[in-house]
Amino acid sequence: MRVLTVASRIPRLAAPGCGTLVLDRVKAMRCAGAEVRIIAPAPWPCRAADRGEDEELPRRVVRYFRVPGIGTRFAASACARAIRGLLADEISAFKPDVIDAHDLYPDGVAVLLAARKSGVPVAVTAHGRDVLVTARLPAIHEKLEDTLPGAAVVIAVTADLAEDLRSRGVFRRDIEIIEDGVDLTHFRPGSREKARSELGLGADGHHLVCAGNLFAASTVKLLLASMVGGDAPCPPTVHFLGDGPARRRLERLSRVMGLAKRAVFHGRVGRERVALFLRAANGAVALGRDTTAVQAVREARACRIPVLAADIPAMRDRVFPFRQGLLARFDLLGVRRGVAKLLELDWDISEGEPRGWESVGAEILACFGRVV
């Protein structure tokens, strides 16, 4: 099968940590036997490079103009104009069986507009923020209602995202649910003592891991606030793994709050090191409700590490069935009590290993096969 993937959130030299799960899906499709080409629209002005950091999967970057802060409602039409010629070239030369667009907006809408007369079926995947934030804007919701019915299939990476889309009626046919996988070559159980030794951490003390891009500050602020004024006899050190526009602000906040030694911001680190931190930790914290937080729970489960997650439907389905951790109310007292209880209990997580990317790739291609 030939698949033409269109995704803004493909890692680039200017934004290397963005969209790694999309890239994982592309690699999974290739491992399952598909031939894949990538078009990566990039808003301008931006610092996007014309090539990715992973040259094993070359991509063609096309730029479109987007006014920072106020250009959201026009982004899809601008992106559609930018990619129309490139799409036509790839359809003519590559002859894809399906176009694989990632994020409902702007990429999904842009592809549906640009490929409307091509005759090639379009699959659109919803990843999280496009449903939970962007699609709630009235102007964007209207655009989705107008264009999304033209998709051959809509895929959601979690069941709660699919339910959210159904409840708002932007796509009235069945929505496929294909969850992301985990890189099981890196995320696996191991010795805590050995991991701490490799990281230079002391054998004693409590360590927690909070992994994810630092685009929004609210969840990290809440976790930092929960660390102040607590009466725990052995307060934990929290290791923040990830980068983003909020990082410097959060580092300054941690210093002001007197948490410079207990809140350590490591920046962006590779998967092998994220897995090493998880094996060294007493637990993980995933308080968000986006796909980054969901993925953090999967990776912690693969390492047999307990997790403290927000008490929302997406997390209830992942934490309770596998007895993997605790759910906390999204407020100061709930998070503080959750952290304390997470560290107090003895955990034996021995079941429910998440699936690897190989089975995800096969499931996606099976879905595309039904569409074709």
Protein backbone atom coordinates (compact mmCIF):
# COMPACT_ATOMS: atom_id res chain seq x y z
CA MET A 1 0.00 0.00 0.00
CA ARG A 2 1.18 3.52 -0.83
CA VAL A 3 0.43 6.15 1.82
CA LEU A 4 0.95 9.90 1.49
CA THR A 5 1.19 11.39 4.99
CA VAL A 6 0.52 15.10 5.53
CA ALA A 7 1.43 16.39 8.98
CA SER A 8 2.68 19.67 10.40
CA ARG A 9 3.67 17.89 13.61
CA ILE A 10 6.56 15.96 12.12
CA PRO A 11 9.87 16.57 13.96
CA ARG A 12 12.02 19.22 12.28
CA LEU A 13 15.39 20.64 13.19
CA ALA A 14 13.63 23.73 14.53
CA ALA A 15 11.15 21.70 16.59
CA PRO A 16 12.74 18.27 17.16
CA GLY A 17 10.45 17.13 19.99
CA CYS A 18 7.19 17.94 18.24
CA GLY A 19 5.10 15.21 16.69
CA THR A 20 7.25 12.20 17.57
CA LEU A 21 4.15 10.01 17.89
CA VAL A 22 3.13 10.91 14.35
CA LEU A 23 6.58 9.89 13.14
CA ASP A 24 6.28 6.65 15.11
CA ARG A 25 3.03 5.90 13.28
CA VAL A 26 4.69 6.52 9.94
CA LYS A 27 7.55 4.16 10.83
CA ALA A 28 5.05 1.57 12.06
CA MET A 29 3.25 1.67 8.71
CA ARG A 30 6.53 1.19 6.88
CA CYS A 31 7.43 -1.77 9.09
CA ALA A 32 4.00 -3.24 8.27
CA GLY A 33 4.84 -3.10 4.56
CA ALA A 34 3.57 0.27 3.38
CA GLU A 35 5.47 2.68 1.18
CA VAL A 36 5.15 6.12 2.74
CA ARG A 37 5.96 9.64 1.62
CA ILE A 38 5.62 12.72 3.83
CA ILE A 39 4.51 16.29 3.19
CA ALA A 40 5.13 18.59 6.18
CA PRO A 41 3.33 21.96 6.02
CA ALA A 42 5.12 24.56 8.14
CA PRO A 43 3.59 27.93 9.13
CA TRP A 44 5.64 30.96 8.23
CA PRO A 45 7.12 32.95 9.91
CA CYS A 46 8.76 30.14 11.84
CA ARG A 47 12.19 28.64 12.30
CA ALA A 48 11.33 25.45 10.44
CA ALA A 49 14.13 23.78 8.55
CA ASP A 50 13.59 22.18 5.14
CA ARG A 51 14.61 18.77 6.40
CA GLY A 52 13.96 16.64 9.46
CA GLU A 53 16.35 15.32 12.02
CA ASP A 54 15.53 11.77 10.92
CA GLU A 55 16.78 11.53 7.34
CA GLU A 56 15.69 7.89 7.14
CA LEU A 57 12.24 9.36 6.48
CA PRO A 58 12.73 12.31 4.12
CA ARG A 59 9.91 14.81 3.96
CA ARG A 60 8.99 17.71 1.73
CA VAL A 61 8.39 20.87 3.78
CA VAL A 62 6.04 23.45 2.30
CA ARG A 63 5.51 26.81 3.99
CA TYR A 64 2.36 28.86 4.32
CA PHE A 65 1.76 32.27 5.84
CA ARG A 66 0.11 32.41 9.25
CA VAL A 67 -0.23 35.53 11.37
CA PRO A 68 0.96 34.58 14.89
CA GLY A 69 -1.81 34.72 17.47
CA ILE A 70 -4.69 35.70 15.17
CA GLY A 71 -4.27 33.53 12.10
CA THR A 72 -5.86 30.31 13.40
CA ARG A 73 -9.17 30.70 11.60
CA PHE A 74 -7.41 31.25 8.24
CA ALA A 75 -4.69 28.62 8.72
CA ALA A 76 -6.46 25.77 6.92
CA SER A 77 -7.24 27.76 3.78
CA ALA A 78 -3.68 29.15 3.68
CA CYS A 79 -2.25 25.66 4.17
CA ALA A 80 -4.55 24.25 1.45
CA ARG A 81 -3.29 26.81 -1.07
CA ALA A 82 0.32 26.02 -0.16
CA ILE A 83 0.06 22.23 -0.46
CA ARG A 84 -2.31 21.97 -3.44
CA GLY A 85 0.43 21.88 -6.10
CA LEU A 86 2.64 19.55 -4.08
CA LEU A 87 -0.28 17.21 -3.43
CA ALA A 88 -1.08 17.11 -7.14
CA ASP A 89 2.55 16.27 -7.96
CA GLU A 90 2.70 13.45 -5.41
CA ILE A 91 -0.67 12.04 -6.48
CA SER A 92 0.50 12.00 -10.09
CA ALA A 93 3.96 10.55 -9.45
CA PHE A 94 3.53 8.46 -6.29
CA LYS A 95 -0.10 7.39 -6.90
CA PRO A 96 -1.02 6.96 -3.22
CA ASP A 97 -3.85 4.64 -2.23
CA VAL A 98 -4.76 6.91 0.66
CA ILE A 99 -3.82 10.34 2.03
CA ASP A 100 -3.04 10.19 5.75
CA ALA A 101 -3.65 13.62 7.38
CA HIS A 102 -2.79 14.26 11.03
CA ASP A 103 -4.71 16.69 13.29
CA LEU A 104 -8.22 17.75 12.38
CA TYR A 105 -7.14 21.36 12.01
CA PRO A 106 -5.46 22.86 10.13
CA ASP A 107 -3.90 19.86 8.34
CA GLY A 108 -7.01 17.70 8.06
CA VAL A 109 -9.23 20.48 6.75
CA ALA A 110 -6.46 21.72 4.44
CA VAL A 111 -5.97 18.28 2.86
CA LEU A 112 -9.71 17.78 2.40
CA LEU A 113 -9.91 21.15 0.65
CA ALA A 114 -6.82 20.63 -1.50
CA ALA A 115 -7.52 17.00 -2.48
CA ARG A 116 -11.27 17.32 -2.95
CA LYS A 117 -11.22 16.51 -6.68
CA SER A 118 -8.32 14.04 -6.65
CA GLY A 119 -10.38 10.91 -6.07
CA VAL A 120 -7.91 9.69 -3.43
CA PRO A 121 -9.55 8.79 -0.09
CA VAL A 122 -8.44 10.91 2.87
CA ALA A 123 -8.01 9.55 6.40
CA VAL A 124 -7.82 12.17 9.17
CA THR A 125 -6.39 11.35 12.60
CA ALA A 126 -7.34 13.33 15.73
CA HIS A 127 -4.52 13.46 18.24
CA GLY A 128 -5.80 15.49 21.19
CA ARG A 129 -5.24 19.22 21.22
CA ASP A 130 -7.03 19.56 17.88
CA VAL A 131 -10.16 18.14 19.55
CA LEU A 132 -9.83 19.44 23.10
CA VAL A 133 -8.76 23.01 22.28
CA THR A 134 -8.84 24.03 18.62
CA ALA A 135 -12.15 22.38 17.68
CA ARG A 136 -13.91 24.18 20.53
CA LEU A 137 -13.37 27.55 18.85
CA PRO A 138 -16.70 28.43 17.14
CA ALA A 139 -15.11 29.41 13.81
CA ILE A 140 -13.03 26.23 13.68
CA HIS A 141 -15.97 24.03 14.71
CA GLU A 142 -17.93 25.41 11.76
CA LYS A 143 -15.08 24.62 9.35
CA LEU A 144 -14.88 21.07 10.68
CA GLU A 145 -18.63 20.60 10.23
CA ASP A 146 -18.33 21.75 6.62
CA THR A 147 -15.28 19.73 5.56
CA LEU A 148 -14.79 16.68 7.82
CA PRO A 149 -17.73 14.72 6.31
CA GLY A 150 -15.57 14.53 3.17
CA ALA A 151 -13.08 12.28 4.94
CA ALA A 152 -13.19 8.58 4.09
CA VAL A 153 -12.44 7.78 7.73
CA VAL A 154 -11.67 9.68 10.95
CA ILE A 155 -9.31 8.01 13.43
CA ALA A 156 -9.01 8.98 17.10
CA VAL A 157 -6.03 7.92 19.20
CA THR A 158 -8.15 7.51 22.36
CA ALA A 159 -11.76 6.51 23.01
CA ASP A 160 -12.55 9.75 24.87
CA LEU A 161 -11.44 11.83 21.86
CA ALA A 162 -13.80 9.79 19.68
CA GLU A 163 -16.62 10.32 22.14
CA ASP A 164 -15.92 14.06 22.24
CA LEU A 165 -16.16 14.24 18.43
CA ARG A 166 -19.38 12.22 18.38
CA SER A 167 -21.01 14.34 21.06
CA ARG A 168 -20.40 17.52 19.08
CA GLY A 169 -21.53 16.03 15.80
CA VAL A 170 -18.64 17.14 13.59
CA PHE A 171 -18.38 13.63 12.10
CA ARG A 172 -21.55 11.53 12.17
CA ARG A 173 -20.19 8.25 10.82
CA ASP A 174 -18.29 5.69 12.88
CA ILE A 175 -14.93 6.87 14.22
CA GLU A 176 -12.07 4.37 14.27
CA ILE A 177 -10.11 4.17 17.53
CA ILE A 178 -6.46 3.20 17.04
CA GLU A 179 -4.32 3.94 20.07
CA ASP A 180 -0.64 4.76 19.88
CA GLY A 181 1.98 2.20 20.81
CA VAL A 182 5.11 2.15 22.95
CA ASP A 183 8.73 1.64 21.90
CA LEU A 184 9.25 -1.57 23.87
CA THR A 185 12.94 -1.73 22.95
CA HIS A 186 13.51 1.20 25.33
CA PHE A 187 10.58 1.15 27.74
CA ARG A 188 10.94 -2.04 29.73
CA PRO A 189 11.37 -3.04 33.39
CA GLY A 190 14.79 -2.86 34.98
CA SER A 191 16.78 -2.43 38.17
CA ARG A 192 16.10 0.82 40.04
CA GLU A 193 19.51 0.72 41.70
CA LYS A 194 21.30 0.29 38.38
CA ALA A 195 19.29 3.08 36.74
CA ARG A 196 20.02 5.48 39.60
CA SER A 197 23.67 4.66 39.43
CA GLU A 198 23.77 5.41 35.68
CA LEU A 199 22.00 8.74 36.24
CA GLY A 200 24.16 9.73 39.21
CA LEU A 201 21.23 9.74 41.62
CA GLY A 202 21.58 8.66 45.22
CA ALA A 203 20.33 5.25 46.23
CA ASP A 204 18.11 6.83 48.88
CA GLY A 205 15.35 9.38 48.48
CA HIS A 206 12.18 9.58 46.41
CA HIS A 207 12.26 10.56 42.75
CA LEU A 208 9.30 11.27 40.46
CA VAL A 209 9.28 11.74 36.69
CA CYS A 210 7.09 14.17 34.76
CA ALA A 211 7.71 13.71 31.02
CA GLY A 212 6.23 15.83 28.24
CA ASN A 213 6.63 19.00 26.23
CA LEU A 214 6.27 22.18 28.30
CA PHE A 215 3.79 24.08 26.15
CA ALA A 216 1.19 24.75 28.85
CA ALA A 217 2.23 25.63 32.39
CA SER A 218 -0.93 24.86 34.40
CA THR A 219 -0.22 21.20 35.26
CA VAL A 220 3.43 21.86 36.18
CA LYS A 221 2.45 24.88 38.30
CA LEU A 222 -0.01 22.73 40.21
CA LEU A 223 2.60 20.04 40.81
CA LEU A 224 5.14 22.64 41.99
CA ALA A 225 2.58 24.20 44.34
CA SER A 226 1.83 20.77 45.81
CA MET A 227 5.52 20.43 46.72
CA VAL A 228 5.50 23.57 48.88
CA GLY A 229 4.46 23.36 52.51
CA GLY A 230 4.04 19.61 52.53
CA ASP A 231 4.90 17.67 55.69
CA ALA A 232 6.30 14.55 54.02
CA PRO A 233 9.32 13.20 55.96
CA CYS A 234 11.17 12.50 52.69
CA PRO A 235 9.97 15.01 50.06
CA PRO A 236 10.46 13.84 46.47
CA THR A 237 12.62 15.29 43.75
CA VAL A 238 10.66 15.75 40.52
CA HIS A 239 12.51 15.39 37.21
CA PHE A 240 10.85 17.27 34.34
CA LEU A 241 11.80 15.74 31.00
CA GLY A 242 10.86 17.87 28.02
CA ASP A 243 11.20 21.31 26.52
CA GLY A 244 8.88 24.03 25.31
CA PRO A 245 8.04 27.73 25.52
CA ALA A 246 6.98 27.51 29.18
CA ARG A 247 10.21 25.94 30.44
CA ARG A 248 12.14 29.09 31.41
CA ARG A 249 9.12 30.57 33.14
CA LEU A 250 8.61 27.38 35.14
CA GLU A 251 12.28 27.18 36.09
CA ARG A 252 12.12 30.75 37.43
CA LEU A 253 8.93 29.91 39.31
CA SER A 254 10.53 26.86 40.94
CA ARG A 255 13.45 28.99 42.14
CA VAL A 256 11.10 31.65 43.55
CA MET A 257 9.19 28.90 45.38
CA GLY A 258 12.42 27.55 46.89
CA LEU A 259 12.28 24.33 44.86
CA ALA A 260 15.48 24.73 42.83
CA LYS A 261 16.93 21.46 44.18
CA ARG A 262 13.69 19.46 44.20
CA ALA A 263 12.38 20.46 40.74
CA VAL A 264 14.98 19.58 38.11
CA PHE A 265 14.35 20.59 34.50
CA HIS A 266 16.44 18.40 32.22
CA GLY A 267 15.12 19.70 28.90
CA ARG A 268 14.55 17.42 25.96
CA VAL A 269 16.11 13.99 26.37
CA GLY A 270 16.03 10.90 24.16
CA ARG A 271 13.72 7.96 24.73
CA GLU A 272 16.46 5.76 26.11
CA ARG A 273 17.13 8.33 28.82
CA VAL A 274 13.42 8.87 29.55
CA ALA A 275 13.13 5.11 30.10
CA LEU A 276 16.20 5.19 32.35
CA PHE A 277 14.65 7.95 34.50
CA LEU A 278 11.42 5.93 34.76
CA ARG A 279 13.27 2.84 35.93
CA ALA A 280 15.10 4.98 38.51
CA ALA A 281 11.94 6.63 39.80
CA ASN A 282 9.46 5.78 42.54
CA GLY A 283 6.65 6.92 40.28
CA ALA A 284 5.56 9.09 37.36
CA VAL A 285 3.19 12.06 37.27
CA ALA A 286 0.89 12.67 34.28
CA LEU A 287 -1.69 15.31 35.18
CA GLY A 288 -2.56 16.48 31.67
CA ARG A 289 -5.41 15.18 29.51
CA ASP A 290 -3.68 15.35 26.14
CA THR A 291 -2.00 12.54 24.23
CA THR A 292 1.37 13.39 25.79
CA ALA A 293 0.01 12.53 29.25
CA VAL A 294 -1.67 9.37 27.95
CA GLN A 295 1.59 8.29 26.34
CA ALA A 296 3.45 8.96 29.59
CA VAL A 297 1.11 6.51 31.34
CA ARG A 298 1.73 3.86 28.69
CA GLU A 299 5.51 4.26 28.96
CA ALA A 300 5.40 4.11 32.76
CA ARG A 301 3.33 0.93 32.56
CA ALA A 302 5.89 -0.63 30.22
CA CYS A 303 8.57 0.11 32.85
CA ARG A 304 6.32 -1.21 35.66
CA ILE A 305 6.30 2.19 37.38
CA PRO A 306 3.22 3.50 39.30
CA VAL A 307 1.69 6.70 38.02
CA LEU A 308 -0.34 9.59 39.44
CA ALA A 309 -2.79 10.78 36.78
CA ALA A 310 -5.63 13.26 36.56
CA ASP A 311 -9.06 11.87 37.41
CA ILE A 312 -10.51 12.01 33.89
CA PRO A 313 -12.08 9.29 31.68
CA ALA A 314 -9.00 8.88 29.47
CA MET A 315 -6.90 8.04 32.52
CA ARG A 316 -9.47 5.91 34.36
CA ASP A 317 -9.39 3.44 31.48
CA ARG A 318 -5.60 3.17 31.70
CA VAL A 319 -4.83 3.29 35.42
CA PHE A 320 -7.55 1.31 37.19
CA PRO A 321 -7.77 -1.82 34.98
CA PHE A 322 -4.04 -2.45 35.40
CA ARG A 323 -3.81 -1.38 39.08
CA GLN A 324 -1.04 0.90 37.93
CA GLY A 325 -1.41 3.93 40.17
CA LEU A 326 -3.73 6.59 41.48
CA LEU A 327 -6.08 9.22 40.13
CA ALA A 328 -6.10 12.71 41.65
CA ARG A 329 -8.50 15.62 41.54
CA PHE A 330 -7.01 18.47 39.55
CA ASP A 331 -6.53 20.79 42.52
CA LEU A 332 -3.80 21.52 45.04
CA LEU A 333 -5.03 19.25 47.83
CA GLY A 334 -5.84 16.38 45.47
CA VAL A 335 -2.37 16.42 43.87
CA ARG A 336 -0.57 16.79 47.21
CA ARG A 337 -2.43 13.83 48.72
CA GLY A 338 -1.95 11.84 45.53
CA VAL A 339 1.83 12.29 45.54
CA ALA A 340 2.05 11.35 49.23
CA LYS A 341 -0.04 8.21 48.74
CA LEU A 342 1.85 7.22 45.59
CA LEU A 343 5.08 7.19 47.58
CA GLU A 344 3.61 5.47 50.64
CA LEU A 345 2.15 2.40 48.95
CA ASP A 346 4.02 -0.70 47.83
CA TRP A 347 3.35 -1.32 44.14
CA ASP A 348 3.51 -4.59 42.25
CA ILE A 349 2.67 -3.83 38.62
CA SER A 350 3.00 -7.07 36.72
CA GLU A 351 0.24 -7.17 34.11
CA GLY A 352 -1.06 -5.28 31.13
CA GLU A 353 2.02 -4.52 29.04
CA PRO A 354 1.08 -1.93 26.41
CA ARG A 355 1.35 -2.95 22.79
CA GLY A 356 4.29 -2.06 20.61
CA TRP A 357 4.21 -0.03 17.43
CA GLU A 358 4.31 -3.09 15.17
CA SER A 359 0.69 -4.02 15.92
CA VAL A 360 -0.34 -0.36 15.59
CA GLY A 361 1.08 -0.19 12.07
CA ALA A 362 -0.77 -3.36 11.05
CA GLU A 363 -4.04 -2.02 12.48
CA ILE A 364 -3.69 1.30 10.65
CA LEU A 365 -3.02 -0.41 7.32
CA ALA A 366 -6.00 -2.70 7.88
CA CYS A 367 -8.15 0.38 8.43
CA PHE A 368 -6.78 2.02 5.27
CA GLY A 369 -7.39 -1.21 3.36
CA ARG A 370 -11.07 -1.10 4.26
CA VAL A 371 -11.22 2.53 3.13
CA VAL A 372 -9.57 1.76 -0.22
